[in-house]
Amino acid sequence: MLQSPRGRAGTAFLQLAIAARTMAGVSELESALQMEPAAFQALYSTQKPKLEDENLIFFCQMGKRGLQATQLAQGLGYTGARNYTGAYREWLQQEG
């Protein structure tokens, strides 16, 4: 698992990473990010990210779905949404 950045932004990263493990994929992300916070919490067992969170980092195995997720989140108003362009594969090579 990726190491989360420190501080408040790290909290948002970790929350979304936990939720992402239970999502079916990018297709589920749009409805998840539009849920009421309580419904998100009940379904994913973590707090819903806030629109103002600084670093919502999306990633996938190769990079395509992470980019799609980032663009979708940005379109919904999550201005801190970012894509880890190297994807899990790059992280694994460098850190694994």
Protein backbone atom coordinates (compact mmCIF):
# COMPACT_ATOMS: atom_id res chain seq x y z
CA MET A 1 0.00 0.00 0.00
CA LEU A 2 1.21 3.51 -0.75
CA GLN A 3 2.46 5.58 2.12
CA SER A 4 0.12 8.48 2.79
CA PRO A 5 1.45 12.02 2.94
CA ARG A 6 1.61 13.51 6.43
CA GLY A 7 -0.97 15.79 8.02
CA ARG A 8 -4.49 16.58 6.96
CA ALA A 9 -3.86 15.80 3.30
CA GLY A 10 -2.54 12.41 4.35
CA THR A 11 -5.77 11.71 6.15
CA ALA A 12 -7.76 12.35 2.98
CA PHE A 13 -5.41 10.12 1.00
CA LEU A 14 -5.73 7.29 3.47
CA GLN A 15 -9.51 7.60 3.70
CA LEU A 16 -9.91 7.41 -0.06
CA ALA A 17 -7.43 4.54 -0.38
CA ILE A 18 -9.45 2.55 2.16
CA ALA A 19 -12.70 3.30 0.36
CA ALA A 20 -11.20 2.51 -3.04
CA ARG A 21 -10.38 -1.03 -1.95
CA THR A 22 -14.09 -1.77 -1.72
CA MET A 23 -15.20 0.02 -4.91
CA ALA A 24 -15.93 -1.77 -8.14
CA GLY A 25 -13.91 0.82 -10.03
CA VAL A 26 -14.13 4.21 -11.66
CA SER A 27 -17.77 3.54 -12.56
CA GLU A 28 -18.69 3.48 -8.87
CA LEU A 29 -16.59 6.50 -7.93
CA GLU A 30 -18.95 9.11 -9.33
CA SER A 31 -21.91 7.94 -7.28
CA ALA A 32 -19.70 7.44 -4.22
CA LEU A 33 -18.37 11.00 -4.32
CA GLN A 34 -21.91 12.34 -4.63
CA MET A 35 -23.23 10.43 -1.60
CA GLU A 36 -24.18 12.08 1.64
CA PRO A 37 -21.30 11.73 4.14
CA ALA A 38 -23.25 9.35 6.39
CA ALA A 39 -24.12 7.04 3.50
CA PHE A 40 -20.49 7.03 2.34
CA GLN A 41 -19.34 6.20 5.88
CA ALA A 42 -21.87 3.37 6.19
CA LEU A 43 -20.95 1.82 2.84
CA TYR A 44 -17.16 2.26 2.87
CA SER A 45 -16.40 2.37 6.62
CA THR A 46 -14.45 5.61 6.30
CA GLN A 47 -15.18 9.32 6.10
CA LYS A 48 -16.10 10.82 2.76
CA PRO A 49 -13.40 13.15 1.41
CA LYS A 50 -14.23 16.86 1.52
CA LEU A 51 -14.25 19.05 -1.58
CA GLU A 52 -11.52 21.17 -0.02
CA ASP A 53 -9.15 18.31 0.87
CA GLU A 54 -5.74 19.16 -0.57
CA ASN A 55 -4.52 15.79 -1.81
CA LEU A 56 -6.93 13.14 -3.01
CA ILE A 57 -4.53 10.83 -4.77
CA PHE A 58 -5.90 8.34 -7.26
CA PHE A 59 -3.94 5.44 -8.68
CA CYS A 60 -4.44 2.12 -10.39
CA GLN A 61 -2.29 -0.67 -11.76
CA MET A 62 -1.23 0.97 -15.04
CA GLY A 63 -2.37 4.62 -14.89
CA LYS A 64 -5.46 4.91 -17.12
CA ARG A 65 -8.17 4.37 -14.48
CA GLY A 66 -6.32 6.56 -11.99
CA LEU A 67 -6.36 9.42 -14.50
CA GLN A 68 -10.06 8.83 -15.23
CA ALA A 69 -10.84 8.87 -11.51
CA THR A 70 -8.85 12.08 -11.01
CA GLN A 71 -10.65 13.82 -13.86
CA LEU A 72 -14.02 12.65 -12.57
CA ALA A 73 -13.30 13.90 -9.04
CA GLN A 74 -12.07 17.24 -10.36
CA GLY A 75 -15.27 17.54 -12.41
CA LEU A 76 -17.26 17.04 -9.22
CA GLY A 77 -15.40 19.89 -7.52
CA TYR A 78 -12.59 18.04 -5.72
CA THR A 79 -9.91 20.59 -6.57
CA GLY A 80 -7.19 18.68 -4.71
CA ALA A 81 -7.68 15.50 -6.77
CA ARG A 82 -4.39 14.27 -8.18
CA ASN A 83 -3.29 11.30 -10.22
CA TYR A 84 -0.22 9.27 -9.28
CA THR A 85 0.93 9.06 -12.91
CA GLY A 86 3.43 6.28 -12.35
CA ALA A 87 0.64 4.11 -10.97
CA TYR A 88 1.06 1.21 -8.59
CA ARG A 89 3.52 -0.45 -10.93
CA GLU A 90 6.05 2.40 -10.62
CA TRP A 91 5.62 2.65 -6.87
CA LEU A 92 6.20 -1.08 -6.51
CA GLN A 93 9.44 -0.88 -8.52
CA GLN A 94 10.75 2.02 -6.44
CA GLU A 95 9.46 1.12 -3.00
CA GLY A 96 8.59 -2.56 -3.13
